[in-house]
């Protein structure tokens, strides 16, 4: 970028690539410097004005090299200079080999080591796995603490919603491998809940278990009214086989506790 200026000493017009240059030659520059030095010694300060090289406005120069009127013009000039410099001096980078897959790629910076996001993630997962193996207790405590926070619960919820099929498949696999144990635990939980609900209802305490007990009685009564013939068959078979093994070697006490066969 070249600037057309007028020498402040001799008044001669000249062109220069330096924005803050005010003299046309070395002799004029020496004369100008000597004049300013003499003025400073005498205590005389000349009020000088100049034209901004960016916006073209006149402004009062505070020092000898002033050529820009404000910080905004300075930032604008720097942006243009950087843009021009990048186009005239492009960065020449050599091709690199990816540290994971060995594929050659054109790096965007000198510090780039991997060719893609997948390679970078694979390295990050490997480092995370090594850290978990080296500090299992610390990682377990951190994840347990994180899951209790709102961000951890939201993250778990998002992961569950995006992997529903995976969780359903895992649940089915576990159920068919351990169905007897699962049914036994479900029966135990149901019996405990029904017995607690019945005791709470007898004591006049309103709780989740008591409401569950009432709902189960209502469902059983509705089923009995809708299926009278089937219900009669259930009662008949139960009375014939009372005391015998029905399921898992025990009589289902949960049904007897709610009074279904009374």
C-alpha atoms as a PDB file:
ATOM      1  CA  UNK A   1       0.000   0.000   0.000  1.00  0.00           C
ATOM      2  CA  UNK A   2       1.460   3.423  -1.029  1.00  0.00           C
ATOM      3  CA  UNK A   3       0.599   6.850   0.347  1.00  0.00           C
ATOM      4  CA  UNK A   4       0.871  10.223  -1.432  1.00  0.00           C
ATOM      5  CA  UNK A   5       2.101  12.890   0.987  1.00  0.00           C
ATOM      6  CA  UNK A   6       3.589  16.401   1.106  1.00  0.00           C
ATOM      7  CA  UNK A   7       6.864  17.053   2.866  1.00  0.00           C
ATOM      8  CA  UNK A   8       6.373  19.233   5.966  1.00  0.00           C
ATOM      9  CA  UNK A   9       9.835  20.815   5.492  1.00  0.00           C
ATOM     10  CA  UNK A  10      10.237  21.581   1.798  1.00  0.00           C
ATOM     11  CA  UNK A  11       6.618  21.117   0.631  1.00  0.00           C
ATOM     12  CA  UNK A  12       7.573  18.616  -2.052  1.00  0.00           C
ATOM     13  CA  UNK A  13       5.028  15.866  -2.927  1.00  0.00           C
ATOM     14  CA  UNK A  14       6.256  12.292  -2.562  1.00  0.00           C
ATOM     15  CA  UNK A  15       4.967   8.700  -2.310  1.00  0.00           C
ATOM     16  CA  UNK A  16       5.851   6.309   0.497  1.00  0.00           C
ATOM     17  CA  UNK A  17       4.838   2.933   1.902  1.00  0.00           C
ATOM     18  CA  UNK A  18       5.222   4.170   5.492  1.00  0.00           C
ATOM     19  CA  UNK A  19       1.976   5.644   6.796  1.00  0.00           C
ATOM     20  CA  UNK A  20       3.506   7.926   9.432  1.00  0.00           C
ATOM     21  CA  UNK A  21       6.318   9.402   7.318  1.00  0.00           C
ATOM     22  CA  UNK A  22       6.128  13.201   6.893  1.00  0.00           C
ATOM     23  CA  UNK A  23       9.403  14.053   5.104  1.00  0.00           C
ATOM     24  CA  UNK A  24      10.566  13.283   1.598  1.00  0.00           C
ATOM     25  CA  UNK A  25      14.265  12.571   2.255  1.00  0.00           C
ATOM     26  CA  UNK A  26      16.847  12.067   4.978  1.00  0.00           C
ATOM     27  CA  UNK A  27      17.917  15.741   4.904  1.00  0.00           C
ATOM     28  CA  UNK A  28      14.379  16.967   5.513  1.00  0.00           C
ATOM     29  CA  UNK A  29      13.950  14.350   8.242  1.00  0.00           C
ATOM     30  CA  UNK A  30      17.115  15.585  10.022  1.00  0.00           C
ATOM     31  CA  UNK A  31      15.973  19.208   9.692  1.00  0.00           C
ATOM     32  CA  UNK A  32      12.544  18.301  11.077  1.00  0.00           C
ATOM     33  CA  UNK A  33      14.033  16.443  14.021  1.00  0.00           C
ATOM     34  CA  UNK A  34      16.377  19.340  14.861  1.00  0.00           C
ATOM     35  CA  UNK A  35      13.518  21.840  14.698  1.00  0.00           C
ATOM     36  CA  UNK A  36      11.372  19.786  17.061  1.00  0.00           C
ATOM     37  CA  UNK A  37      14.266  19.325  19.453  1.00  0.00           C
ATOM     38  CA  UNK A  38      14.899  23.087  19.566  1.00  0.00           C
ATOM     39  CA  UNK A  39      11.215  23.729  20.194  1.00  0.00           C
ATOM     40  CA  UNK A  40      11.169  21.277  23.065  1.00  0.00           C
ATOM     41  CA  UNK A  41      14.200  22.932  24.617  1.00  0.00           C
ATOM     42  CA  UNK A  42      12.595  26.380  24.373  1.00  0.00           C
ATOM     43  CA  UNK A  43       9.307  25.026  25.686  1.00  0.00           C
ATOM     44  CA  UNK A  44       7.448  25.855  22.510  1.00  0.00           C
ATOM     45  CA  UNK A  45       5.071  23.129  21.327  1.00  0.00           C
ATOM     46  CA  UNK A  46       3.585  23.446  17.893  1.00  0.00           C
ATOM     47  CA  UNK A  47      -0.041  22.345  17.533  1.00  0.00           C
ATOM     48  CA  UNK A  48       0.012  20.216  14.436  1.00  0.00           C
ATOM     49  CA  UNK A  49      -2.855  18.644  12.548  1.00  0.00           C
ATOM     50  CA  UNK A  50      -2.809  15.670  10.232  1.00  0.00           C
ATOM     51  CA  UNK A  51      -5.200  13.711   8.028  1.00  0.00           C
ATOM     52  CA  UNK A  52      -6.175  10.185   9.120  1.00  0.00           C
ATOM     53  CA  UNK A  53      -4.949   7.616   6.584  1.00  0.00           C
ATOM     54  CA  UNK A  54      -8.072   5.477   7.186  1.00  0.00           C
ATOM     55  CA  UNK A  55     -11.100   7.778   7.305  1.00  0.00           C
ATOM     56  CA  UNK A  56      -9.584  11.013   5.907  1.00  0.00           C
ATOM     57  CA  UNK A  57     -10.576  13.251   8.839  1.00  0.00           C
ATOM     58  CA  UNK A  58      -8.326  15.969  10.259  1.00  0.00           C
ATOM     59  CA  UNK A  59      -7.153  15.559  13.853  1.00  0.00           C
ATOM     60  CA  UNK A  60      -4.654  17.079  16.271  1.00  0.00           C
ATOM     61  CA  UNK A  61      -1.405  15.105  16.348  1.00  0.00           C
ATOM     62  CA  UNK A  62      -0.221  14.261  19.854  1.00  0.00           C
ATOM     63  CA  UNK A  63       3.167  12.931  18.801  1.00  0.00           C
ATOM     64  CA  UNK A  64       5.432  13.062  15.781  1.00  0.00           C
ATOM     65  CA  UNK A  65       4.381   9.724  14.292  1.00  0.00           C
ATOM     66  CA  UNK A  66       0.586  10.166  14.557  1.00  0.00           C
ATOM     67  CA  UNK A  67      -1.276   9.189  11.407  1.00  0.00           C
ATOM     68  CA  UNK A  68      -4.515   7.608  12.732  1.00  0.00           C
ATOM     69  CA  UNK A  69      -7.231   9.559  14.508  1.00  0.00           C
ATOM     70  CA  UNK A  70      -8.847   6.894  16.739  1.00  0.00           C
ATOM     71  CA  UNK A  71      -8.667   3.312  17.993  1.00  0.00           C
ATOM     72  CA  UNK A  72     -11.505   2.270  15.677  1.00  0.00           C
ATOM     73  CA  UNK A  73      -9.511   3.410  12.640  1.00  0.00           C
ATOM     74  CA  UNK A  74      -6.453   1.634  14.012  1.00  0.00           C
ATOM     75  CA  UNK A  75      -8.367  -1.663  14.330  1.00  0.00           C
ATOM     76  CA  UNK A  76      -9.758  -1.238  10.817  1.00  0.00           C
ATOM     77  CA  UNK A  77      -6.274  -0.587   9.410  1.00  0.00           C
ATOM     78  CA  UNK A  78      -4.884  -3.655  11.217  1.00  0.00           C
ATOM     79  CA  UNK A  79      -7.663  -5.882   9.858  1.00  0.00           C
ATOM     80  CA  UNK A  80      -7.017  -4.755   6.309  1.00  0.00           C
ATOM     81  CA  UNK A  81      -3.291  -5.221   6.759  1.00  0.00           C
ATOM     82  CA  UNK A  82      -3.710  -8.773   8.078  1.00  0.00           C
ATOM     83  CA  UNK A  83      -6.086  -9.647   5.256  1.00  0.00           C
ATOM     84  CA  UNK A  84      -3.660  -8.315   2.655  1.00  0.00           C
ATOM     85  CA  UNK A  85      -0.735 -10.060   4.306  1.00  0.00           C
ATOM     86  CA  UNK A  86      -2.504 -13.434   4.303  1.00  0.00           C
ATOM     87  CA  UNK A  87      -3.240 -13.188   0.599  1.00  0.00           C
ATOM     88  CA  UNK A  88       0.293 -12.099  -0.323  1.00  0.00           C
ATOM     89  CA  UNK A  89       2.072 -14.464   2.112  1.00  0.00           C
ATOM     90  CA  UNK A  90       0.151 -17.782   2.190  1.00  0.00           C
ATOM     91  CA  UNK A  91       1.216 -20.310   4.812  1.00  0.00           C
ATOM     92  CA  UNK A  92       2.998 -23.297   3.311  1.00  0.00           C
ATOM     93  CA  UNK A  93       2.407 -26.462   5.314  1.00  0.00           C
ATOM     94  CA  UNK A  94       3.694 -29.922   4.528  1.00  0.00           C
ATOM     95  CA  UNK A  95       1.450 -32.984   4.488  1.00  0.00           C
ATOM     96  CA  UNK A  96       1.351 -34.927   7.740  1.00  0.00           C
ATOM     97  CA  UNK A  97       0.653 -38.539   8.618  1.00  0.00           C
ATOM     98  CA  UNK A  98      -2.164 -39.226  11.016  1.00  0.00           C
ATOM     99  CA  UNK A  99      -0.901 -40.614  14.316  1.00  0.00           C
ATOM    100  CA  UNK A 100      -3.779 -43.146  14.412  1.00  0.00           C
ATOM    101  CA  UNK A 101      -4.525 -44.425  10.904  1.00  0.00           C
ATOM    102  CA  UNK A 102      -1.388 -43.257   9.073  1.00  0.00           C
ATOM    103  CA  UNK A 103      -3.398 -41.409   6.395  1.00  0.00           C
ATOM    104  CA  UNK A 104      -1.740 -38.330   4.873  1.00  0.00           C
ATOM    105  CA  UNK A 105      -3.680 -35.084   5.306  1.00  0.00           C
ATOM    106  CA  UNK A 106      -3.276 -31.335   4.929  1.00  0.00           C
ATOM    107  CA  UNK A 107      -3.175 -29.899   8.486  1.00  0.00           C
ATOM    108  CA  UNK A 108      -5.078 -26.739   9.326  1.00  0.00           C
ATOM    109  CA  UNK A 109      -2.435 -25.802  11.902  1.00  0.00           C
ATOM    110  CA  UNK A 110       1.076 -26.909  12.810  1.00  0.00           C
ATOM    111  CA  UNK A 111      -0.222 -28.570  16.000  1.00  0.00           C
ATOM    112  CA  UNK A 112      -2.777 -30.856  14.302  1.00  0.00           C
ATOM    113  CA  UNK A 113      -1.887 -34.556  14.754  1.00  0.00           C
ATOM    114  CA  UNK A 114      -5.014 -36.421  13.575  1.00  0.00           C
ATOM    115  CA  UNK A 115      -6.726 -36.393  10.190  1.00  0.00           C
ATOM    116  CA  UNK A 116     -10.352 -36.534  11.375  1.00  0.00           C
ATOM    117  CA  UNK A 117     -12.660 -36.194  14.336  1.00  0.00           C
ATOM    118  CA  UNK A 118     -13.026 -39.992  14.590  1.00  0.00           C
ATOM    119  CA  UNK A 119      -9.275 -40.520  15.011  1.00  0.00           C
ATOM    120  CA  UNK A 120      -9.120 -37.847  17.698  1.00  0.00           C
ATOM    121  CA  UNK A 121     -12.048 -39.442  19.549  1.00  0.00           C
ATOM    122  CA  UNK A 122     -10.428 -42.885  19.414  1.00  0.00           C
ATOM    123  CA  UNK A 123      -7.277 -41.498  21.075  1.00  0.00           C
ATOM    124  CA  UNK A 124      -9.374 -39.684  23.683  1.00  0.00           C
ATOM    125  CA  UNK A 125     -11.323 -42.879  24.472  1.00  0.00           C
ATOM    126  CA  UNK A 126      -8.088 -44.841  24.826  1.00  0.00           C
ATOM    127  CA  UNK A 127      -6.682 -42.272  27.261  1.00  0.00           C
ATOM    128  CA  UNK A 128      -9.960 -42.305  29.199  1.00  0.00           C
ATOM    129  CA  UNK A 129      -9.923 -46.114  29.385  1.00  0.00           C
ATOM    130  CA  UNK A 130      -6.347 -46.141  30.713  1.00  0.00           C
ATOM    131  CA  UNK A 131      -7.228 -43.516  33.315  1.00  0.00           C
ATOM    132  CA  UNK A 132     -10.305 -45.480  34.452  1.00  0.00           C
ATOM    133  CA  UNK A 133      -8.233 -48.643  34.819  1.00  0.00           C
ATOM    134  CA  UNK A 134      -5.578 -46.774  36.801  1.00  0.00           C
ATOM    135  CA  UNK A 135      -8.071 -44.920  39.069  1.00  0.00           C
ATOM    136  CA  UNK A 136     -11.268 -47.021  39.308  1.00  0.00           C
ATOM    137  CA  UNK A 137     -12.393 -45.790  42.737  1.00  0.00           C
ATOM    138  CA  UNK A 138     -11.905 -42.141  41.837  1.00  0.00           C
ATOM    139  CA  UNK A 139     -13.851 -42.471  38.561  1.00  0.00           C
ATOM    140  CA  UNK A 140     -16.646 -44.438  40.230  1.00  0.00           C
ATOM    141  CA  UNK A 141     -17.050 -41.787  42.939  1.00  0.00           C
ATOM    142  CA  UNK A 142     -17.038 -38.979  40.381  1.00  0.00           C
ATOM    143  CA  UNK A 143     -19.711 -40.616  38.174  1.00  0.00           C
ATOM    144  CA  UNK A 144     -21.856 -41.418  41.197  1.00  0.00           C
ATOM    145  CA  UNK A 145     -21.673 -37.786  42.294  1.00  0.00           C
ATOM    146  CA  UNK A 146     -22.308 -36.484  38.766  1.00  0.00           C
ATOM    147  CA  UNK A 147     -25.408 -38.641  38.234  1.00  0.00           C
ATOM    148  CA  UNK A 148     -27.086 -36.999  41.243  1.00  0.00           C
ATOM    149  CA  UNK A 149     -26.832 -33.539  39.693  1.00  0.00           C
ATOM    150  CA  UNK A 150     -29.418 -32.043  37.325  1.00  0.00           C
ATOM    151  CA  UNK A 151     -26.965 -32.134  34.415  1.00  0.00           C
ATOM    152  CA  UNK A 152     -26.190 -35.821  35.071  1.00  0.00           C
ATOM    153  CA  UNK A 153     -29.883 -36.757  35.206  1.00  0.00           C
ATOM    154  CA  UNK A 154     -30.577 -34.867  31.987  1.00  0.00           C
ATOM    155  CA  UNK A 155     -27.612 -36.554  30.292  1.00  0.00           C
ATOM    156  CA  UNK A 156     -28.779 -40.013  31.405  1.00  0.00           C
ATOM    157  CA  UNK A 157     -32.296 -39.248  30.164  1.00  0.00           C
ATOM    158  CA  UNK A 158     -31.024 -38.127  26.746  1.00  0.00           C
ATOM    159  CA  UNK A 159     -28.867 -41.232  26.421  1.00  0.00           C
ATOM    160  CA  UNK A 160     -31.790 -43.500  27.342  1.00  0.00           C
ATOM    161  CA  UNK A 161     -34.141 -41.839  24.830  1.00  0.00           C
ATOM    162  CA  UNK A 162     -31.566 -42.092  22.042  1.00  0.00           C
ATOM    163  CA  UNK A 163     -30.759 -45.796  22.802  1.00  0.00           C
ATOM    164  CA  UNK A 164     -34.195 -47.236  23.605  1.00  0.00           C
ATOM    165  CA  UNK A 165     -33.746 -50.296  21.401  1.00  0.00           C
ATOM    166  CA  UNK A 166     -30.392 -51.091  23.010  1.00  0.00           C
ATOM    167  CA  UNK A 167     -31.857 -50.955  26.536  1.00  0.00           C
ATOM    168  CA  UNK A 168     -34.913 -53.001  25.500  1.00  0.00           C
ATOM    169  CA  UNK A 169     -32.725 -55.678  23.914  1.00  0.00           C
ATOM    170  CA  UNK A 170     -30.507 -55.805  26.995  1.00  0.00           C
ATOM    171  CA  UNK A 171     -33.551 -56.087  29.285  1.00  0.00           C
ATOM    172  CA  UNK A 172     -35.037 -58.936  27.229  1.00  0.00           C
ATOM    173  CA  UNK A 173     -31.734 -60.804  27.210  1.00  0.00           C
ATOM    174  CA  UNK A 174     -31.347 -60.473  30.980  1.00  0.00           C
ATOM    175  CA  UNK A 175     -34.962 -61.523  31.565  1.00  0.00           C
ATOM    176  CA  UNK A 176     -34.726 -64.728  29.526  1.00  0.00           C
ATOM    177  CA  UNK A 177     -31.431 -65.662  31.148  1.00  0.00           C
ATOM    178  CA  UNK A 178     -32.685 -64.999  34.702  1.00  0.00           C
ATOM    179  CA  UNK A 179     -36.471 -65.140  34.362  1.00  0.00           C
ATOM    180  CA  UNK A 180     -37.005 -67.328  37.450  1.00  0.00           C
ATOM    181  CA  UNK A 181     -35.007 -64.972  39.648  1.00  0.00           C
ATOM    182  CA  UNK A 182     -36.713 -61.899  38.144  1.00  0.00           C
ATOM    183  CA  UNK A 183     -40.205 -63.341  38.705  1.00  0.00           C
ATOM    184  CA  UNK A 184     -39.294 -64.298  42.253  1.00  0.00           C
ATOM    185  CA  UNK A 185     -38.017 -60.795  43.056  1.00  0.00           C
ATOM    186  CA  UNK A 186     -41.069 -59.175  41.469  1.00  0.00           C
ATOM    187  CA  UNK A 187     -43.376 -61.434  43.517  1.00  0.00           C
ATOM    188  CA  UNK A 188     -41.488 -60.624  46.713  1.00  0.00           C
ATOM    189  CA  UNK A 189     -41.704 -56.892  46.074  1.00  0.00           C
ATOM    190  CA  UNK A 190     -45.408 -57.134  45.242  1.00  0.00           C
ATOM    191  CA  UNK A 191     -46.156 -59.176  48.372  1.00  0.00           C
ATOM    192  CA  UNK A 192     -44.222 -56.758  50.579  1.00  0.00           C
ATOM    193  CA  UNK A 193     -46.019 -53.802  49.059  1.00  0.00           C
ATOM    194  CA  UNK A 194     -49.445 -55.388  49.423  1.00  0.00           C
ATOM    195  CA  UNK A 195     -48.846 -56.423  53.032  1.00  0.00           C
ATOM    196  CA  UNK A 196     -47.589 -52.948  53.955  1.00  0.00           C
ATOM    197  CA  UNK A 197     -50.556 -51.336  52.173  1.00  0.00           C
ATOM    198  CA  UNK A 198     -52.979 -53.597  54.031  1.00  0.00           C
ATOM    199  CA  UNK A 199     -51.399 -52.783  57.390  1.00  0.00           C
ATOM    200  CA  UNK A 200     -51.384 -49.047  56.640  1.00  0.00           C
ATOM    201  CA  UNK A 201     -55.042 -49.201  55.632  1.00  0.00           C
ATOM    202  CA  UNK A 202     -55.960 -51.014  58.874  1.00  0.00           C
ATOM    203  CA  UNK A 203     -54.075 -48.389  60.907  1.00  0.00           C
ATOM    204  CA  UNK A 204     -55.695 -45.499  59.024  1.00  0.00           C
ATOM    205  CA  UNK A 205     -52.447 -44.313  57.363  1.00  0.00           C
ATOM    206  CA  UNK A 206     -52.647 -42.957  53.810  1.00  0.00           C
ATOM    207  CA  UNK A 207     -49.524 -43.919  51.827  1.00  0.00           C
ATOM    208  CA  UNK A 208     -48.516 -45.080  48.374  1.00  0.00           C
ATOM    209  CA  UNK A 209     -48.688 -48.707  49.492  1.00  0.00           C
ATOM    210  CA  UNK A 210     -52.221 -48.330  50.878  1.00  0.00           C
ATOM    211  CA  UNK A 211     -53.398 -46.716  47.635  1.00  0.00           C
ATOM    212  CA  UNK A 212     -51.728 -49.527  45.673  1.00  0.00           C
ATOM    213  CA  UNK A 213     -53.542 -52.083  47.843  1.00  0.00           C
ATOM    214  CA  UNK A 214     -56.911 -50.398  47.207  1.00  0.00           C
ATOM    215  CA  UNK A 215     -56.271 -50.220  43.429  1.00  0.00           C
ATOM    216  CA  UNK A 216     -55.299 -53.901  43.339  1.00  0.00           C
ATOM    217  CA  UNK A 217     -58.528 -54.846  45.130  1.00  0.00           C
ATOM    218  CA  UNK A 218     -60.545 -52.737  42.677  1.00  0.00           C
ATOM    219  CA  UNK A 219     -58.798 -54.344  39.685  1.00  0.00           C
ATOM    220  CA  UNK A 220     -59.383 -57.832  41.075  1.00  0.00           C
ATOM    221  CA  UNK A 221     -63.070 -57.117  41.705  1.00  0.00           C
ATOM    222  CA  UNK A 222     -63.509 -55.691  38.198  1.00  0.00           C
ATOM    223  CA  UNK A 223     -61.791 -58.716  36.653  1.00  0.00           C
ATOM    224  CA  UNK A 224     -64.018 -61.073  38.675  1.00  0.00           C
ATOM    225  CA  UNK A 225     -67.194 -59.340  37.479  1.00  0.00           C
ATOM    226  CA  UNK A 226     -66.076 -59.360  33.831  1.00  0.00           C
ATOM    227  CA  UNK A 227     -64.948 -63.024  33.881  1.00  0.00           C
ATOM    228  CA  UNK A 228     -67.327 -64.906  36.171  1.00  0.00           C
ATOM    229  CA  UNK A 229     -66.874 -68.325  34.507  1.00  0.00           C
ATOM    230  CA  UNK A 230     -63.092 -68.088  34.452  1.00  0.00           C
ATOM    231  CA  UNK A 231     -63.104 -66.858  38.046  1.00  0.00           C
ATOM    232  CA  UNK A 232     -65.211 -69.783  39.152  1.00  0.00           C
ATOM    233  CA  UNK A 233     -62.703 -72.125  37.500  1.00  0.00           C
ATOM    234  CA  UNK A 234     -59.844 -70.403  39.374  1.00  0.00           C
ATOM    235  CA  UNK A 235     -61.633 -70.806  42.694  1.00  0.00           C
ATOM    236  CA  UNK A 236     -62.421 -74.441  42.023  1.00  0.00           C
ATOM    237  CA  UNK A 237     -58.853 -75.317  41.044  1.00  0.00           C
ATOM    238  CA  UNK A 238     -57.465 -73.423  43.998  1.00  0.00           C
ATOM    239  CA  UNK A 239     -59.723 -75.204  46.504  1.00  0.00           C
ATOM    240  CA  UNK A 240     -58.773 -78.596  45.037  1.00  0.00           C
ATOM    241  CA  UNK A 241     -55.067 -77.782  45.084  1.00  0.00           C
ATOM    242  CA  UNK A 242     -54.963 -75.806  48.316  1.00  0.00           C
ATOM    243  CA  UNK A 243     -51.813 -76.652  50.193  1.00  0.00           C
ATOM    244  CA  UNK A 244     -50.122 -78.017  47.066  1.00  0.00           C
ATOM    245  CA  UNK A 245     -47.322 -76.402  45.064  1.00  0.00           C
ATOM    246  CA  UNK A 246     -48.653 -73.996  42.472  1.00  0.00           C
ATOM    247  CA  UNK A 247     -45.724 -71.826  41.297  1.00  0.00           C
ATOM    248  CA  UNK A 248     -42.070 -71.941  42.347  1.00  0.00           C
ATOM    249  CA  UNK A 249     -42.847 -74.461  45.064  1.00  0.00           C
ATOM    250  CA  UNK A 250     -45.122 -72.133  47.091  1.00  0.00           C
ATOM    251  CA  UNK A 251     -48.778 -71.083  47.208  1.00  0.00           C
ATOM    252  CA  UNK A 252     -49.138 -67.535  46.007  1.00  0.00           C
ATOM    253  CA  UNK A 253     -49.662 -65.743  49.312  1.00  0.00           C
ATOM    254  CA  UNK A 254     -50.061 -62.370  47.614  1.00  0.00           C
ATOM    255  CA  UNK A 255     -53.390 -63.369  46.067  1.00  0.00           C
ATOM    256  CA  UNK A 256     -54.618 -64.840  49.334  1.00  0.00           C
ATOM    257  CA  UNK A 257     -53.582 -61.692  51.210  1.00  0.00           C
ATOM    258  CA  UNK A 258     -55.913 -59.498  49.122  1.00  0.00           C
ATOM    259  CA  UNK A 259     -58.829 -61.887  49.595  1.00  0.00           C
ATOM    260  CA  UNK A 260     -59.301 -62.925  45.984  1.00  0.00           C
ATOM    261  CA  UNK A 261     -60.180 -66.547  46.750  1.00  0.00           C
ATOM    262  CA  UNK A 262     -62.438 -65.810  49.762  1.00  0.00           C
END
